[in-house]
Amino acid sequence: MAVRVFSCWLFLALVTAAAGVRAATPWSVQDDEGRVLELAGPAQRIVSLSPGATALLFAAGAGGRVVGTAEYSLEPDAARAIVRVGDAHGFNLERILALHPDVIVAWPQGTSLGVLA
């Protein structure tokens, strides 16, 4: 399984662009670093590695697709029920992989690059 980590801004663009896209429609998007994310359709299983990204995903209408998140993801209230996978100091890779995410959303400025690697 190939899971790539992209910035929360890239994923928010994906979520909002996918709002009117049929699930079987393949699509791709390129981030600021030139990396391309290609999916068969909109991501259905999202792991968010920051509380801010989790709140933004809910605000963009993707909250129902978030299957794992970081500690302190308290907003909106529905985020409190999502499985916790770690915090800015470290993440449980086995737990993340067990959730079978399509996409992992990270905030590179809020998490050490060593942890993200």
N, C-alpha and C. Protein backbone atom coordinates (compact mmCIF):
# COMPACT_ATOMS: atom_id res chain seq x y z
N MET A 1 0.84 -1.17 0.00
CA MET A 1 0.00 0.00 0.00
C MET A 1 0.89 1.24 0.00
N ALA A 2 0.67 2.12 -0.93
CA ALA A 2 1.44 3.35 -1.01
C ALA A 2 0.61 4.50 -0.46
N VAL A 3 1.02 5.02 0.68
CA VAL A 3 0.34 6.17 1.27
C VAL A 3 1.35 7.29 1.29
N ARG A 4 0.96 8.44 0.80
CA ARG A 4 1.85 9.59 0.79
C ARG A 4 1.29 10.66 1.70
N VAL A 5 2.19 11.43 2.32
CA VAL A 5 1.81 12.52 3.21
C VAL A 5 1.87 13.82 2.43
N PHE A 6 0.79 14.58 2.45
CA PHE A 6 0.73 15.86 1.78
C PHE A 6 0.29 16.92 2.77
N SER A 7 0.57 18.17 2.44
CA SER A 7 0.19 19.27 3.33
C SER A 7 -1.32 19.39 3.41
N CYS A 8 -1.79 19.97 4.52
CA CYS A 8 -3.24 20.11 4.69
C CYS A 8 -3.83 21.03 3.63
N TRP A 9 -3.10 22.00 3.13
CA TRP A 9 -3.64 22.91 2.11
C TRP A 9 -3.89 22.16 0.82
N LEU A 10 -2.99 21.26 0.47
CA LEU A 10 -3.20 20.45 -0.73
C LEU A 10 -4.44 19.61 -0.58
N PHE A 11 -4.59 18.98 0.57
CA PHE A 11 -5.73 18.10 0.72
C PHE A 11 -7.04 18.87 0.76
N LEU A 12 -7.03 20.05 1.36
CA LEU A 12 -8.26 20.84 1.35
C LEU A 12 -8.66 21.18 -0.08
N ALA A 13 -7.70 21.44 -0.92
CA ALA A 13 -8.01 21.67 -2.34
C ALA A 13 -8.62 20.42 -2.95
N LEU A 14 -8.08 19.26 -2.58
CA LEU A 14 -8.61 18.00 -3.11
C LEU A 14 -10.04 17.76 -2.64
N VAL A 15 -10.29 18.01 -1.38
CA VAL A 15 -11.62 17.77 -0.82
C VAL A 15 -12.65 18.68 -1.47
N THR A 16 -12.33 19.96 -1.58
CA THR A 16 -13.30 20.87 -2.15
C THR A 16 -13.47 20.63 -3.64
N ALA A 17 -12.40 20.26 -4.34
CA ALA A 17 -12.51 19.96 -5.77
C ALA A 17 -13.31 18.69 -5.99
N ALA A 18 -13.25 17.77 -5.04
CA ALA A 18 -13.91 16.48 -5.19
C ALA A 18 -15.40 16.55 -4.87
N ALA A 19 -15.86 17.64 -4.33
CA ALA A 19 -17.25 17.71 -3.89
C ALA A 19 -18.23 17.34 -4.99
N GLY A 20 -17.94 17.73 -6.23
CA GLY A 20 -18.86 17.43 -7.31
C GLY A 20 -18.37 16.33 -8.23
N VAL A 21 -17.31 15.63 -7.85
CA VAL A 21 -16.72 14.60 -8.71
C VAL A 21 -17.28 13.23 -8.37
N ARG A 22 -17.63 12.47 -9.39
CA ARG A 22 -18.10 11.11 -9.16
C ARG A 22 -16.95 10.27 -8.60
N ALA A 23 -17.25 9.29 -7.76
CA ALA A 23 -16.24 8.48 -7.10
C ALA A 23 -15.36 7.72 -8.08
N ALA A 24 -15.85 7.40 -9.26
CA ALA A 24 -15.07 6.61 -10.22
C ALA A 24 -14.21 7.48 -11.13
N THR A 25 -14.22 8.78 -10.95
CA THR A 25 -13.47 9.67 -11.82
C THR A 25 -12.04 9.83 -11.30
N PRO A 26 -11.04 9.39 -12.08
CA PRO A 26 -9.65 9.57 -11.62
C PRO A 26 -9.25 11.04 -11.71
N TRP A 27 -8.39 11.49 -10.80
CA TRP A 27 -7.95 12.87 -10.83
C TRP A 27 -6.64 13.01 -10.08
N SER A 28 -5.96 14.11 -10.31
CA SER A 28 -4.69 14.35 -9.65
C SER A 28 -4.55 15.83 -9.36
N VAL A 29 -3.65 16.13 -8.43
CA VAL A 29 -3.37 17.51 -8.07
C VAL A 29 -1.89 17.60 -7.71
N GLN A 30 -1.28 18.77 -7.95
CA GLN A 30 0.14 18.96 -7.67
C GLN A 30 0.28 19.97 -6.54
N ASP A 31 1.19 19.66 -5.57
CA ASP A 31 1.37 20.59 -4.46
C ASP A 31 2.47 21.60 -4.77
N ASP A 32 2.76 22.47 -3.80
CA ASP A 32 3.74 23.54 -4.01
C ASP A 32 5.15 23.02 -4.24
N GLU A 33 5.43 21.80 -3.84
CA GLU A 33 6.77 21.22 -4.02
C GLU A 33 6.86 20.38 -5.29
N GLY A 34 5.81 20.40 -6.10
CA GLY A 34 5.82 19.68 -7.35
C GLY A 34 5.42 18.22 -7.26
N ARG A 35 5.04 17.77 -6.06
CA ARG A 35 4.60 16.38 -5.90
C ARG A 35 3.18 16.25 -6.42
N VAL A 36 2.91 15.13 -7.06
CA VAL A 36 1.58 14.89 -7.62
C VAL A 36 0.90 13.77 -6.84
N LEU A 37 -0.34 14.00 -6.46
CA LEU A 37 -1.16 12.99 -5.81
C LEU A 37 -2.19 12.56 -6.83
N GLU A 38 -2.22 11.26 -7.12
CA GLU A 38 -3.19 10.71 -8.06
C GLU A 38 -4.06 9.70 -7.34
N LEU A 39 -5.35 9.87 -7.45
CA LEU A 39 -6.31 8.96 -6.82
C LEU A 39 -7.34 8.52 -7.86
N ALA A 40 -7.91 7.35 -7.64
CA ALA A 40 -8.96 6.86 -8.53
C ALA A 40 -10.24 7.69 -8.38
N GLY A 41 -10.39 8.34 -7.25
CA GLY A 41 -11.54 9.18 -6.94
C GLY A 41 -11.26 9.89 -5.64
N PRO A 42 -12.22 10.61 -5.08
CA PRO A 42 -12.01 11.31 -3.82
C PRO A 42 -11.59 10.36 -2.71
N ALA A 43 -10.65 10.79 -1.87
CA ALA A 43 -10.20 9.97 -0.73
C ALA A 43 -11.37 9.66 0.18
N GLN A 44 -11.48 8.42 0.58
CA GLN A 44 -12.56 7.98 1.46
C GLN A 44 -12.09 7.78 2.90
N ARG A 45 -10.78 7.54 3.10
CA ARG A 45 -10.24 7.29 4.43
C ARG A 45 -9.04 8.21 4.64
N ILE A 46 -9.20 9.17 5.55
CA ILE A 46 -8.19 10.20 5.78
C ILE A 46 -7.65 10.09 7.20
N VAL A 47 -6.33 10.19 7.34
CA VAL A 47 -5.71 10.33 8.65
C VAL A 47 -5.13 11.74 8.69
N SER A 48 -5.48 12.49 9.72
CA SER A 48 -5.00 13.85 9.91
C SER A 48 -4.00 13.87 11.05
N LEU A 49 -2.81 14.42 10.80
CA LEU A 49 -1.77 14.42 11.81
C LEU A 49 -1.66 15.73 12.58
N SER A 50 -2.67 16.59 12.48
CA SER A 50 -2.67 17.81 13.28
C SER A 50 -4.10 18.22 13.61
N PRO A 51 -4.30 18.77 14.81
CA PRO A 51 -5.64 19.22 15.19
C PRO A 51 -6.19 20.28 14.24
N GLY A 52 -5.34 21.19 13.79
CA GLY A 52 -5.80 22.23 12.87
C GLY A 52 -6.26 21.66 11.54
N ALA A 53 -5.52 20.69 11.03
CA ALA A 53 -5.91 20.05 9.78
C ALA A 53 -7.23 19.31 9.95
N THR A 54 -7.42 18.68 11.11
CA THR A 54 -8.66 17.97 11.37
C THR A 54 -9.84 18.94 11.33
N ALA A 55 -9.70 20.07 12.01
CA ALA A 55 -10.76 21.08 12.02
C ALA A 55 -11.04 21.59 10.60
N LEU A 56 -9.99 21.80 9.82
CA LEU A 56 -10.16 22.27 8.44
C LEU A 56 -10.84 21.23 7.57
N LEU A 57 -10.51 19.97 7.77
CA LEU A 57 -11.16 18.90 7.01
C LEU A 57 -12.66 18.85 7.31
N PHE A 58 -13.03 19.01 8.59
CA PHE A 58 -14.45 19.06 8.94
C PHE A 58 -15.10 20.27 8.29
N ALA A 59 -14.43 21.43 8.34
CA ALA A 59 -14.99 22.65 7.77
C ALA A 59 -15.19 22.51 6.26
N ALA A 60 -14.32 21.73 5.61
CA ALA A 60 -14.42 21.53 4.16
C ALA A 60 -15.42 20.45 3.78
N GLY A 61 -16.03 19.81 4.80
CA GLY A 61 -17.04 18.80 4.52
C GLY A 61 -16.51 17.38 4.46
N ALA A 62 -15.25 17.18 4.85
CA ALA A 62 -14.65 15.84 4.80
C ALA A 62 -14.56 15.17 6.17
N GLY A 63 -15.19 15.72 7.18
CA GLY A 63 -15.09 15.17 8.53
C GLY A 63 -15.52 13.72 8.62
N GLY A 64 -16.50 13.33 7.86
CA GLY A 64 -16.98 11.95 7.89
C GLY A 64 -16.00 10.96 7.31
N ARG A 65 -14.97 11.46 6.64
CA ARG A 65 -13.96 10.58 6.04
C ARG A 65 -12.69 10.47 6.89
N VAL A 66 -12.60 11.27 7.97
CA VAL A 66 -11.42 11.24 8.83
C VAL A 66 -11.53 10.03 9.76
N VAL A 67 -10.59 9.09 9.61
CA VAL A 67 -10.62 7.85 10.39
C VAL A 67 -9.57 7.82 11.49
N GLY A 68 -8.64 8.76 11.48
CA GLY A 68 -7.61 8.84 12.51
C GLY A 68 -7.11 10.25 12.60
N THR A 69 -6.74 10.67 13.81
CA THR A 69 -6.27 12.04 13.99
C THR A 69 -5.30 12.12 15.16
N ALA A 70 -4.73 13.29 15.33
CA ALA A 70 -3.75 13.54 16.39
C ALA A 70 -4.45 13.89 17.70
N GLU A 71 -3.71 13.69 18.79
CA GLU A 71 -4.21 14.14 20.10
C GLU A 71 -4.56 15.62 20.01
N TYR A 72 -5.44 16.05 20.86
CA TYR A 72 -5.88 17.43 20.95
C TYR A 72 -6.70 17.90 19.75
N SER A 73 -7.18 16.97 18.94
CA SER A 73 -8.13 17.31 17.88
C SER A 73 -9.51 17.35 18.54
N LEU A 74 -9.89 18.52 18.99
CA LEU A 74 -11.10 18.68 19.79
C LEU A 74 -12.21 19.43 19.08
N GLU A 75 -11.92 20.00 17.92
CA GLU A 75 -12.91 20.79 17.20
C GLU A 75 -13.09 20.24 15.79
N PRO A 76 -14.32 20.14 15.35
CA PRO A 76 -15.56 20.29 16.11
C PRO A 76 -15.73 19.13 17.09
N ASP A 77 -16.81 19.12 17.83
CA ASP A 77 -17.04 18.08 18.83
C ASP A 77 -16.96 16.68 18.24
N ALA A 78 -17.39 16.50 17.00
CA ALA A 78 -17.36 15.17 16.37
C ALA A 78 -15.93 14.64 16.25
N ALA A 79 -14.94 15.52 16.22
CA ALA A 79 -13.54 15.08 16.10
C ALA A 79 -13.08 14.34 17.35
N ARG A 80 -13.73 14.56 18.46
CA ARG A 80 -13.33 13.91 19.72
C ARG A 80 -13.51 12.40 19.69
N ALA A 81 -14.37 11.92 18.81
CA ALA A 81 -14.66 10.48 18.73
C ALA A 81 -13.74 9.73 17.77
N ILE A 82 -12.87 10.43 17.08
CA ILE A 82 -11.99 9.79 16.08
C ILE A 82 -10.80 9.14 16.77
N VAL A 83 -10.38 8.00 16.25
CA VAL A 83 -9.22 7.27 16.77
C VAL A 83 -7.99 8.16 16.79
N ARG A 84 -7.24 8.13 17.90
CA ARG A 84 -6.02 8.93 18.04
C ARG A 84 -4.82 8.10 17.59
N VAL A 85 -3.93 8.74 16.82
CA VAL A 85 -2.77 8.03 16.28
C VAL A 85 -1.45 8.59 16.78
N GLY A 86 -1.49 9.59 17.64
CA GLY A 86 -0.26 10.16 18.18
C GLY A 86 -0.38 11.66 18.32
N ASP A 87 0.80 12.31 18.44
CA ASP A 87 0.83 13.76 18.58
C ASP A 87 2.05 14.32 17.88
N ALA A 88 2.34 15.59 18.06
CA ALA A 88 3.45 16.24 17.35
C ALA A 88 4.80 15.62 17.69
N HIS A 89 4.87 14.86 18.77
CA HIS A 89 6.14 14.24 19.18
C HIS A 89 6.32 12.85 18.60
N GLY A 90 5.26 12.27 18.08
CA GLY A 90 5.37 10.95 17.47
C GLY A 90 4.01 10.37 17.14
N PHE A 91 4.01 9.48 16.15
CA PHE A 91 2.78 8.84 15.70
C PHE A 91 2.96 7.33 15.70
N ASN A 92 1.89 6.62 15.94
CA ASN A 92 1.90 5.16 15.96
C ASN A 92 1.66 4.67 14.54
N LEU A 93 2.75 4.36 13.84
CA LEU A 93 2.68 3.97 12.43
C LEU A 93 1.81 2.73 12.24
N GLU A 94 1.91 1.77 13.15
CA GLU A 94 1.09 0.56 13.02
C GLU A 94 -0.39 0.88 13.11
N ARG A 95 -0.75 1.78 14.01
CA ARG A 95 -2.16 2.17 14.15
C ARG A 95 -2.63 2.89 12.88
N ILE A 96 -1.78 3.77 12.36
CA ILE A 96 -2.14 4.50 11.14
C ILE A 96 -2.36 3.53 9.99
N LEU A 97 -1.43 2.61 9.78
CA LEU A 97 -1.56 1.65 8.68
C LEU A 97 -2.77 0.74 8.85
N ALA A 98 -3.11 0.41 10.10
CA ALA A 98 -4.29 -0.43 10.36
C ALA A 98 -5.59 0.27 9.96
N LEU A 99 -5.57 1.59 9.87
CA LEU A 99 -6.75 2.35 9.48
C LEU A 99 -6.93 2.39 7.96
N HIS A 100 -5.95 1.91 7.21
CA HIS A 100 -6.00 1.84 5.74
C HIS A 100 -6.35 3.18 5.10
N PRO A 101 -5.57 4.25 5.41
CA PRO A 101 -5.90 5.56 4.83
C PRO A 101 -5.58 5.64 3.35
N ASP A 102 -6.39 6.41 2.64
CA ASP A 102 -6.09 6.76 1.25
C ASP A 102 -5.07 7.89 1.23
N VAL A 103 -5.21 8.81 2.21
CA VAL A 103 -4.37 10.00 2.28
C VAL A 103 -4.08 10.31 3.74
N ILE A 104 -2.86 10.77 4.00
CA ILE A 104 -2.49 11.27 5.32
C ILE A 104 -2.22 12.76 5.16
N VAL A 105 -2.89 13.57 5.97
CA VAL A 105 -2.75 15.02 5.91
C VAL A 105 -1.87 15.46 7.07
N ALA A 106 -0.84 16.26 6.75
CA ALA A 106 0.08 16.74 7.78
C ALA A 106 0.27 18.23 7.67
N TRP A 107 0.69 18.82 8.76
CA TRP A 107 1.07 20.23 8.79
C TRP A 107 2.56 20.25 9.05
N PRO A 108 3.38 20.34 8.00
CA PRO A 108 4.83 20.22 8.16
C PRO A 108 5.44 21.24 9.12
N GLN A 109 4.87 22.44 9.22
CA GLN A 109 5.41 23.45 10.12
C GLN A 109 5.08 23.15 11.59
N GLY A 110 4.14 22.26 11.85
CA GLY A 110 3.74 21.96 13.22
C GLY A 110 4.24 20.62 13.72
N THR A 111 4.91 19.87 12.88
CA THR A 111 5.41 18.56 13.25
C THR A 111 6.84 18.44 12.75
N SER A 112 7.71 17.85 13.55
CA SER A 112 9.10 17.75 13.12
C SER A 112 9.21 16.91 11.86
N LEU A 113 10.12 17.31 10.99
CA LEU A 113 10.30 16.58 9.74
C LEU A 113 10.76 15.15 10.00
N GLY A 114 11.51 14.94 11.08
CA GLY A 114 11.93 13.58 11.44
C GLY A 114 10.74 12.69 11.76
N VAL A 115 9.76 13.24 12.47
CA VAL A 115 8.55 12.47 12.79
C VAL A 115 7.76 12.19 11.52
N LEU A 116 7.64 13.17 10.65
CA LEU A 116 6.90 12.96 9.40
C LEU A 116 7.58 11.93 8.49
N ALA A 117 8.91 11.93 8.50
CA ALA A 117 9.64 10.96 7.66
C ALA A 117 9.33 9.55 8.12
